[in-house]
Amino acid sequence: MWSSLHLSRISWSLADQGVVSAGTFLLNVLLVRGLVAEDYGIFALLFGGMLTLQLVNTALVIHPLSVRLVNAASAEVPRLLLASLVLMGLLTLGLAVLLAAIILLLGRPDLVLPSLACFVAWQIQESMRRGLLSAFRFRTAALGDSLSYIGQVVVVAGLSVGGGLTLQAALYGMAATSALAAALQALQLELRITRPLRLAETAADYWSIGGGWALGNGMLLHGRAQLLLWGLAAHAGPAGVAVFQAALNIVNLSNPVMLSLCNIIPPTASQARQGGLAAAWRASRLYAFLAAPPLLAYGIIVVAVPDLMFRLLYGADSPYLEFTMELRLLVLATLLGYAADVVAAFLHGVSAIRLVFFIACIGALTTLVLAVPLIGGFAVIGVCLTHIGANLARLVASWLVLARLIGPTTADLPA
């Protein structure tokens, strides 16, 4: 049964993730309108690279924190939070070096400093918000997330109106709003040192509950997406990537639903695991059932009027209006991935990370088989078809894994 606790948590989780996704979405719309296609394609590749690097922090710190914090004794919470933030900061410094290498590979040394500023500030703020989310403090996190993600929209809109919008300026603006939000959320966390941080012990504990497998899973999932983007860039140039990203922006309006589930299901499953795996799955899938109707409704609207969606967001004279088939295919890929992502979030919560990695391997292998012939033959449509094939393979593998783990009747996936 759905209780007021379930409804409150999913509502505030959706609200907070809605702020994050709305800000990211509006930022992309402004950049599509304000930058030439090649510069926007570079931004898409760069932002995708940042997301992939962020997976190291997510796998090695964020997911373990979400599992441990919800069951930690109250006296242990401040130490666990602060140790996690320090570990994430140390990882971010190493990741920044890799990001600089990616930017140089793109042939844009002028973007190194603004990109590093954006990435480091973003990761600091992400570490603060995750500390709040891991304790189900979605309502508290929403204020800082508004400052960061809605703030970057305001900054870029101001740059656009004033005629000063460049890719470098946009990245610096994103860095500034992330830094301000991080400061606010640090105050909300009331961070304090009450006992030794035990960094090595915490890192070893996080690794022991599947950090390596989670990292491999994340790299496979996002790595295959980046492989497709870079393959498209090699075949059709940055302008081809811009077309794909323009369609993906519309689909990504469903992100508040999908990402809020990834925020709320792992700690829910971890908390309910004491009653057994079946009980943990029942507690987790309640949120999936609650979130499914708006996701399906939005998908139906986009499939029915894709041309209208393009016109509303990018204008009647947009060069992207002709790519309605690509948009429809991406909606299908997203819906297939939804159910698989719900299972993955549950498996993270019960520390069955090896199974998540196995499912990701299935998706990655499917991508490798489909990518070369489909991208070479159909360009952007080929990328969309590859996503459909990979997510379908992940969905089937997820159902088989879940049925084997907790039984076929208990494991019915959300529709």
Protein backbone atom coordinates (compact mmCIF):
# COMPACT_ATOMS: atom_id res chain seq x y z
CA MET A 1 0.00 0.00 0.00
CA TRP A 2 1.14 3.54 -0.70
CA SER A 3 1.49 5.56 2.48
CA SER A 4 1.86 9.28 3.03
CA LEU A 5 5.59 8.64 3.53
CA HIS A 6 5.88 7.06 0.08
CA LEU A 7 3.95 9.90 -1.54
CA SER A 8 5.93 12.58 0.28
CA ARG A 9 9.27 11.06 -0.62
CA ILE A 10 8.48 10.48 -4.29
CA SER A 11 6.89 13.93 -4.59
CA TRP A 12 9.89 15.80 -3.18
CA SER A 13 12.31 13.54 -5.02
CA LEU A 14 10.51 14.34 -8.27
CA ALA A 15 10.40 18.04 -7.40
CA ASP A 16 14.12 18.19 -6.68
CA GLN A 17 15.06 16.17 -9.74
CA GLY A 18 12.62 18.26 -11.75
CA VAL A 19 14.60 21.36 -10.85
CA VAL A 20 17.86 19.69 -11.91
CA SER A 21 16.45 18.32 -15.16
CA ALA A 22 14.52 21.49 -16.02
CA GLY A 23 17.63 23.58 -15.55
CA THR A 24 19.73 21.24 -17.69
CA PHE A 25 17.02 21.09 -20.34
CA LEU A 26 16.52 24.86 -20.55
CA LEU A 27 20.27 25.39 -20.64
CA ASN A 28 20.50 23.08 -23.64
CA VAL A 29 17.64 24.85 -25.39
CA LEU A 30 19.37 28.22 -24.94
CA LEU A 31 22.65 26.79 -26.22
CA VAL A 32 20.95 25.18 -29.24
CA ARG A 33 19.44 28.55 -30.10
CA GLY A 34 22.52 30.65 -29.28
CA LEU A 35 25.49 28.62 -30.54
CA VAL A 36 26.37 27.44 -34.02
CA ALA A 37 25.79 23.71 -34.58
CA GLU A 38 29.48 22.82 -34.38
CA ASP A 39 29.97 24.57 -31.02
CA TYR A 40 26.83 22.96 -29.63
CA GLY A 41 28.07 19.57 -30.82
CA ILE A 42 31.35 20.21 -28.98
CA PHE A 43 29.36 21.09 -25.85
CA ALA A 44 27.38 17.84 -26.13
CA LEU A 45 30.58 15.80 -26.40
CA LEU A 46 32.19 17.72 -23.56
CA PHE A 47 29.18 17.48 -21.24
CA GLY A 48 28.87 13.78 -21.99
CA GLY A 49 32.53 13.35 -21.08
CA MET A 50 31.94 15.12 -17.75
CA LEU A 51 28.99 12.83 -17.00
CA THR A 52 31.12 9.78 -17.75
CA LEU A 53 33.92 10.97 -15.46
CA GLN A 54 31.36 11.73 -12.75
CA LEU A 55 30.53 8.03 -12.72
CA VAL A 56 33.75 7.37 -10.82
CA ASN A 57 32.45 9.52 -7.97
CA THR A 58 28.99 7.98 -8.25
CA ALA A 59 30.19 4.38 -8.19
CA LEU A 60 32.92 4.67 -5.58
CA VAL A 61 31.30 7.15 -3.17
CA ILE A 62 27.69 8.16 -3.90
CA HIS A 63 26.04 4.74 -4.25
CA PRO A 64 27.88 3.23 -1.25
CA LEU A 65 26.95 6.31 0.80
CA SER A 66 23.27 5.90 -0.09
CA VAL A 67 23.41 2.30 1.16
CA ARG A 68 25.38 2.94 4.35
CA LEU A 69 23.94 6.28 5.51
CA VAL A 70 20.32 5.20 5.78
CA ASN A 71 21.24 2.45 8.26
CA ALA A 72 24.01 4.33 10.13
CA ALA A 73 23.75 5.22 13.80
CA SER A 74 23.01 8.91 14.36
CA ALA A 75 26.43 9.51 15.94
CA GLU A 76 28.11 8.01 12.88
CA VAL A 77 26.28 10.12 10.27
CA PRO A 78 28.46 13.29 10.46
CA ARG A 79 31.70 11.30 10.12
CA LEU A 80 30.34 9.22 7.23
CA LEU A 81 29.14 12.32 5.38
CA LEU A 82 32.36 14.26 5.78
CA ALA A 83 34.56 11.29 4.91
CA SER A 84 32.52 10.72 1.76
CA LEU A 85 32.83 14.37 0.73
CA VAL A 86 36.61 14.29 1.22
CA LEU A 87 36.94 11.09 -0.80
CA MET A 88 34.85 12.56 -3.59
CA GLY A 89 37.01 15.70 -3.61
CA LEU A 90 40.20 13.68 -3.95
CA LEU A 91 38.74 11.65 -6.81
CA THR A 92 37.61 14.84 -8.55
CA LEU A 93 41.17 16.19 -8.69
CA GLY A 94 42.30 13.11 -10.59
CA LEU A 95 39.29 13.21 -12.89
CA ALA A 96 40.03 16.84 -13.77
CA VAL A 97 43.31 15.74 -15.36
CA LEU A 98 41.45 13.25 -17.56
CA LEU A 99 38.97 15.94 -18.54
CA ALA A 100 41.77 18.22 -19.70
CA ALA A 101 43.03 15.39 -21.92
CA ILE A 102 39.56 14.95 -23.44
CA ILE A 103 39.34 18.65 -24.25
CA LEU A 104 42.74 18.63 -25.92
CA LEU A 105 41.60 15.60 -27.94
CA LEU A 106 38.67 17.71 -29.15
CA GLY A 107 41.20 20.28 -30.40
CA ARG A 108 39.88 23.05 -28.15
CA PRO A 109 42.63 24.13 -25.70
CA ASP A 110 40.70 27.37 -25.18
CA LEU A 111 38.07 25.34 -23.28
CA VAL A 112 40.43 23.72 -20.76
CA LEU A 113 40.19 26.32 -17.98
CA PRO A 114 36.44 27.02 -18.21
CA SER A 115 35.68 23.31 -18.45
CA LEU A 116 37.82 22.44 -15.43
CA ALA A 117 36.19 25.23 -13.42
CA CYS A 118 32.75 23.93 -14.39
CA PHE A 119 33.55 20.30 -13.65
CA VAL A 120 35.24 20.82 -10.27
CA ALA A 121 32.53 23.19 -9.00
CA TRP A 122 29.84 20.84 -10.28
CA GLN A 123 31.36 17.83 -8.49
CA ILE A 124 31.68 19.74 -5.22
CA GLN A 125 28.02 20.73 -5.40
CA GLU A 126 27.01 17.21 -6.43
CA SER A 127 28.76 15.79 -3.37
CA MET A 128 26.80 18.17 -1.12
CA ARG A 129 23.41 17.42 -2.67
CA ARG A 130 24.02 13.67 -2.56
CA GLY A 131 24.69 13.93 1.15
CA LEU A 132 21.21 15.39 1.51
CA LEU A 133 19.53 12.93 -0.86
CA SER A 134 21.08 9.91 0.86
CA ALA A 135 19.20 10.92 4.01
CA PHE A 136 15.91 11.41 2.08
CA ARG A 137 16.24 15.22 2.50
CA PHE A 138 14.90 15.91 -0.99
CA ARG A 139 13.00 19.03 0.07
CA THR A 140 16.11 20.56 1.64
CA ALA A 141 18.23 19.80 -1.43
CA ALA A 142 15.78 21.52 -3.78
CA LEU A 143 16.78 25.06 -2.77
CA GLY A 144 20.46 24.64 -3.54
CA ASP A 145 19.69 22.70 -6.71
CA SER A 146 17.46 25.56 -7.85
CA LEU A 147 20.30 28.00 -7.27
CA SER A 148 22.67 25.85 -9.29
CA TYR A 149 20.58 24.59 -12.21
CA ILE A 150 18.02 27.34 -12.61
CA GLY A 151 20.77 29.84 -11.89
CA GLN A 152 22.82 28.64 -14.84
CA VAL A 153 19.80 29.16 -17.09
CA VAL A 154 19.49 32.75 -15.87
CA VAL A 155 23.19 33.38 -16.47
CA VAL A 156 23.19 31.93 -19.99
CA ALA A 157 19.95 33.74 -20.86
CA GLY A 158 21.55 37.00 -19.72
CA LEU A 159 24.63 36.30 -21.82
CA SER A 160 22.44 35.55 -24.82
CA VAL A 161 20.37 38.73 -24.46
CA GLY A 162 23.51 40.80 -23.99
CA GLY A 163 25.20 39.31 -27.05
CA GLY A 164 28.00 37.74 -25.02
CA LEU A 165 27.06 34.08 -25.24
CA THR A 166 30.05 31.88 -26.04
CA LEU A 167 30.81 28.33 -25.01
CA GLN A 168 33.55 29.56 -22.66
CA ALA A 169 31.25 32.10 -20.98
CA ALA A 170 28.52 29.50 -20.52
CA LEU A 171 30.94 27.12 -18.79
CA TYR A 172 32.19 29.81 -16.43
CA GLY A 173 28.58 30.72 -15.61
CA MET A 174 27.78 27.09 -14.81
CA ALA A 175 30.83 26.94 -12.53
CA ALA A 176 29.72 30.03 -10.61
CA THR A 177 26.18 28.82 -9.90
CA SER A 178 27.46 25.37 -8.86
CA ALA A 179 29.90 26.96 -6.39
CA LEU A 180 27.17 29.09 -4.81
CA ALA A 181 24.85 26.10 -4.46
CA ALA A 182 27.63 23.99 -2.94
CA ALA A 183 28.21 26.62 -0.26
CA LEU A 184 24.50 26.70 0.62
CA GLN A 185 24.15 22.92 0.77
CA ALA A 186 27.29 22.63 2.91
CA LEU A 187 25.54 24.87 5.45
CA GLN A 188 22.40 22.73 5.23
CA LEU A 189 24.41 19.58 5.93
CA GLU A 190 25.82 21.20 9.10
CA LEU A 191 29.14 19.47 8.48
CA ARG A 192 31.31 19.07 11.53
CA ILE A 193 34.21 16.88 12.63
CA THR A 194 33.13 14.92 15.71
CA ARG A 195 35.55 11.98 15.39
CA PRO A 196 38.39 10.79 13.11
CA LEU A 197 37.27 10.49 9.48
CA ARG A 198 38.93 7.09 8.91
CA LEU A 199 39.23 7.73 5.18
CA ALA A 200 41.07 4.52 4.33
CA GLU A 201 38.58 2.43 6.29
CA THR A 202 35.62 4.17 4.65
CA ALA A 203 37.09 3.78 1.16
CA ALA A 204 37.74 0.08 1.77
CA ASP A 205 34.19 -0.41 3.07
CA TYR A 206 32.71 1.36 0.06
CA TRP A 207 34.80 -0.77 -2.26
CA SER A 208 33.77 -3.95 -0.45
CA ILE A 209 30.06 -3.43 -1.14
CA GLY A 210 30.63 -3.37 -4.88
CA GLY A 211 32.51 -0.21 -5.75
CA GLY A 212 34.56 -1.84 -8.46
CA TRP A 213 31.58 -3.59 -10.01
CA ALA A 214 29.49 -0.42 -9.80
CA LEU A 215 32.26 1.53 -11.53
CA GLY A 216 32.44 -1.06 -14.29
CA ASN A 217 28.66 -0.93 -14.66
CA GLY A 218 28.60 2.86 -14.89
CA MET A 219 31.43 2.97 -17.37
CA LEU A 220 29.72 0.39 -19.56
CA LEU A 221 26.39 2.23 -19.49
CA HIS A 222 27.72 5.72 -20.11
CA GLY A 223 30.73 4.54 -22.05
CA ARG A 224 28.53 2.92 -24.66
CA ALA A 225 26.53 6.17 -24.97
CA GLN A 226 29.75 8.13 -25.43
CA LEU A 227 31.03 5.58 -27.93
CA LEU A 228 27.92 6.16 -30.01
CA LEU A 229 28.35 9.95 -29.84
CA TRP A 230 31.99 9.80 -30.85
CA GLY A 231 31.15 7.31 -33.60
CA LEU A 232 28.49 9.69 -34.87
CA ALA A 233 30.97 12.58 -34.68
CA ALA A 234 33.45 10.59 -36.76
CA HIS A 235 30.76 9.78 -39.34
CA ALA A 236 28.76 13.02 -39.45
CA GLY A 237 30.90 15.58 -37.58
CA PRO A 238 29.90 17.72 -34.58
CA ALA A 239 26.83 18.92 -36.49
CA GLY A 240 25.51 15.34 -36.52
CA VAL A 241 26.03 15.13 -32.76
CA ALA A 242 24.10 18.41 -32.43
CA VAL A 243 21.11 16.86 -34.25
CA PHE A 244 21.10 13.85 -31.95
CA GLN A 245 21.45 16.00 -28.84
CA ALA A 246 18.67 18.34 -29.96
CA ALA A 247 16.29 15.35 -30.14
CA LEU A 248 17.65 13.89 -26.90
CA ASN A 249 16.97 17.16 -25.07
CA ILE A 250 13.25 16.68 -25.67
CA VAL A 251 13.31 13.09 -24.46
CA ASN A 252 15.30 14.17 -21.41
CA LEU A 253 12.30 16.08 -20.10
CA SER A 254 11.43 12.67 -18.60
CA ASN A 255 14.65 12.71 -16.56
CA PRO A 256 13.00 13.96 -13.34
CA VAL A 257 11.03 10.72 -13.21
CA MET A 258 13.91 8.42 -14.06
CA LEU A 259 16.62 10.04 -11.99
CA SER A 260 14.43 10.56 -8.95
CA LEU A 261 13.90 6.80 -8.88
CA CYS A 262 17.66 6.25 -8.99
CA ASN A 263 17.91 8.60 -5.99
CA ILE A 264 15.16 7.04 -3.89
CA ILE A 265 15.20 3.30 -4.70
CA PRO A 266 18.71 2.33 -3.46
CA PRO A 267 18.26 3.64 0.10
CA THR A 268 14.69 2.30 0.14
CA ALA A 269 15.85 -1.18 -0.87
CA SER A 270 18.72 -1.08 1.62
CA GLN A 271 16.39 -0.06 4.45
CA ALA A 272 13.81 -2.75 3.61
CA ARG A 273 16.33 -5.54 3.01
CA GLN A 274 16.09 -6.74 6.61
CA GLY A 275 12.75 -8.28 5.64
CA GLY A 276 14.34 -10.19 2.76
CA LEU A 277 14.99 -9.51 -0.92
CA ALA A 278 11.33 -9.92 -1.89
CA ALA A 279 10.28 -7.34 0.70
CA ALA A 280 13.00 -4.97 -0.51
CA TRP A 281 11.75 -5.32 -4.09
CA ARG A 282 8.14 -4.71 -3.07
CA ALA A 283 9.17 -1.52 -1.26
CA SER A 284 11.20 -0.37 -4.26
CA ARG A 285 8.68 -1.07 -6.99
CA LEU A 286 6.04 1.04 -5.27
CA TYR A 287 8.01 4.07 -6.41
CA ALA A 288 8.35 2.65 -9.91
CA PHE A 289 4.57 2.20 -10.15
CA LEU A 290 4.00 5.75 -8.91
CA ALA A 291 6.40 7.20 -11.48
CA ALA A 292 5.36 5.17 -14.53
CA PRO A 293 2.11 7.01 -15.53
CA PRO A 294 3.66 10.49 -16.09
CA LEU A 295 6.56 8.93 -17.98
CA LEU A 296 4.24 7.01 -20.29
CA ALA A 297 1.97 10.03 -20.79
CA TYR A 298 4.88 12.22 -21.83
CA GLY A 299 6.17 9.55 -24.20
CA ILE A 300 2.79 9.29 -25.91
CA ILE A 301 2.63 13.08 -26.40
CA VAL A 302 6.10 13.24 -27.95
CA VAL A 303 5.43 10.33 -30.30
CA ALA A 304 2.11 11.87 -31.37
CA VAL A 305 3.41 15.39 -32.14
CA PRO A 306 7.22 15.33 -32.50
CA ASP A 307 7.26 18.20 -34.98
CA LEU A 308 5.33 20.40 -32.54
CA MET A 309 7.85 19.64 -29.80
CA PHE A 310 10.71 20.76 -32.05
CA ARG A 311 8.87 23.97 -33.01
CA LEU A 312 7.99 24.85 -29.43
CA LEU A 313 11.54 24.45 -28.19
CA TYR A 314 13.74 25.51 -31.08
CA GLY A 315 11.55 27.81 -33.17
CA ALA A 316 9.67 27.57 -36.45
CA ASP A 317 12.86 28.06 -38.48
CA SER A 318 14.99 25.57 -36.59
CA PRO A 319 17.23 23.32 -38.72
CA TYR A 320 16.23 20.36 -36.53
CA LEU A 321 12.53 20.23 -37.50
CA GLU A 322 12.95 17.40 -40.00
CA PHE A 323 14.27 14.87 -37.47
CA THR A 324 10.93 13.63 -36.12
CA MET A 325 11.67 9.92 -36.72
CA GLU A 326 14.82 10.17 -34.63
CA LEU A 327 12.81 11.67 -31.79
CA ARG A 328 10.18 8.91 -31.90
CA LEU A 329 12.86 6.22 -31.81
CA LEU A 330 14.55 7.84 -28.82
CA VAL A 331 11.26 7.80 -26.90
CA LEU A 332 11.01 4.05 -27.44
CA ALA A 333 14.60 3.56 -26.32
CA THR A 334 13.93 5.58 -23.16
CA LEU A 335 10.84 3.59 -22.19
CA LEU A 336 12.71 0.32 -22.64
CA GLY A 337 15.55 1.61 -20.51
CA TYR A 338 13.19 2.76 -17.75
CA ALA A 339 12.27 -0.70 -16.46
CA ALA A 340 15.88 -1.87 -16.70
CA ASP A 341 17.06 1.16 -14.71
CA VAL A 342 14.50 0.45 -11.96
CA VAL A 343 15.93 -3.04 -11.51
CA ALA A 344 19.49 -1.71 -11.55
CA ALA A 345 18.66 0.82 -8.82
CA PHE A 346 17.12 -1.96 -6.71
CA LEU A 347 20.15 -4.20 -7.18
CA HIS A 348 22.41 -1.32 -6.10
CA GLY A 349 20.35 -0.96 -2.94
CA VAL A 350 20.73 -4.64 -1.98
CA SER A 351 24.45 -4.61 -2.89
CA ALA A 352 24.00 -7.03 -5.81
CA ILE A 353 26.39 -4.97 -7.89
CA ARG A 354 27.85 -7.89 -9.83
CA LEU A 355 24.43 -8.57 -11.29
CA VAL A 356 24.11 -4.92 -12.34
CA PHE A 357 27.49 -5.23 -14.05
CA PHE A 358 26.35 -8.38 -15.85
CA ILE A 359 23.28 -6.58 -17.19
CA ALA A 360 25.42 -3.66 -18.32
CA CYS A 361 27.74 -6.07 -20.15
CA ILE A 362 24.76 -7.37 -22.12
CA GLY A 363 23.87 -3.82 -23.15
CA ALA A 364 27.48 -2.99 -24.06
CA LEU A 365 27.93 -6.11 -26.18
CA THR A 366 24.67 -5.40 -28.00
CA THR A 367 25.88 -1.86 -28.67
CA LEU A 368 29.17 -3.08 -30.12
CA VAL A 369 27.39 -5.50 -32.43
CA LEU A 370 24.85 -2.95 -33.71
CA ALA A 371 26.78 0.32 -33.72
CA VAL A 372 29.11 -0.04 -36.70
CA PRO A 373 26.57 -1.18 -39.32
CA LEU A 374 23.74 1.05 -38.07
CA ILE A 375 25.70 4.29 -37.63
CA GLY A 376 27.56 3.75 -40.87
CA GLY A 377 24.33 3.13 -42.76
CA PHE A 378 21.85 5.44 -41.06
CA ALA A 379 23.84 8.09 -39.10
CA VAL A 380 21.61 9.62 -36.38
CA ILE A 381 18.80 7.10 -36.90
CA GLY A 382 21.43 4.37 -36.55
CA VAL A 383 22.41 5.70 -33.12
CA CYS A 384 18.75 5.66 -32.05
CA LEU A 385 18.26 2.09 -33.29
CA THR A 386 21.38 1.00 -31.44
CA HIS A 387 20.01 2.49 -28.21
CA ILE A 388 16.75 0.60 -28.73
CA GLY A 389 18.55 -2.70 -29.26
CA ALA A 390 20.84 -2.23 -26.25
CA ASN A 391 18.02 -1.22 -23.90
CA LEU A 392 15.85 -4.11 -25.05
CA ALA A 393 18.70 -6.50 -24.31
CA ARG A 394 19.19 -4.90 -20.87
CA LEU A 395 15.47 -5.18 -20.12
CA VAL A 396 15.36 -8.90 -20.92
CA ALA A 397 18.51 -9.53 -18.88
CA SER A 398 17.10 -7.50 -15.97
CA TRP A 399 13.89 -9.52 -15.90
CA LEU A 400 15.79 -12.82 -15.95
CA VAL A 401 18.15 -11.70 -13.17
CA LEU A 402 15.34 -10.39 -10.98
CA ALA A 403 13.18 -13.49 -11.49
CA ARG A 404 16.11 -15.73 -10.56
CA LEU A 405 16.96 -13.61 -7.51
CA ILE A 406 13.56 -13.29 -5.86
CA GLY A 407 11.15 -15.46 -7.86
CA PRO A 408 9.16 -14.85 -11.09
CA THR A 409 5.83 -13.92 -9.47
CA THR A 410 7.37 -11.41 -7.08
CA ALA A 411 9.64 -9.91 -9.72
CA ASP A 412 7.00 -8.57 -12.11
CA LEU A 413 8.51 -5.45 -13.64
CA PRO A 414 6.65 -2.14 -13.67
CA ALA A 415 4.69 -1.65 -16.84
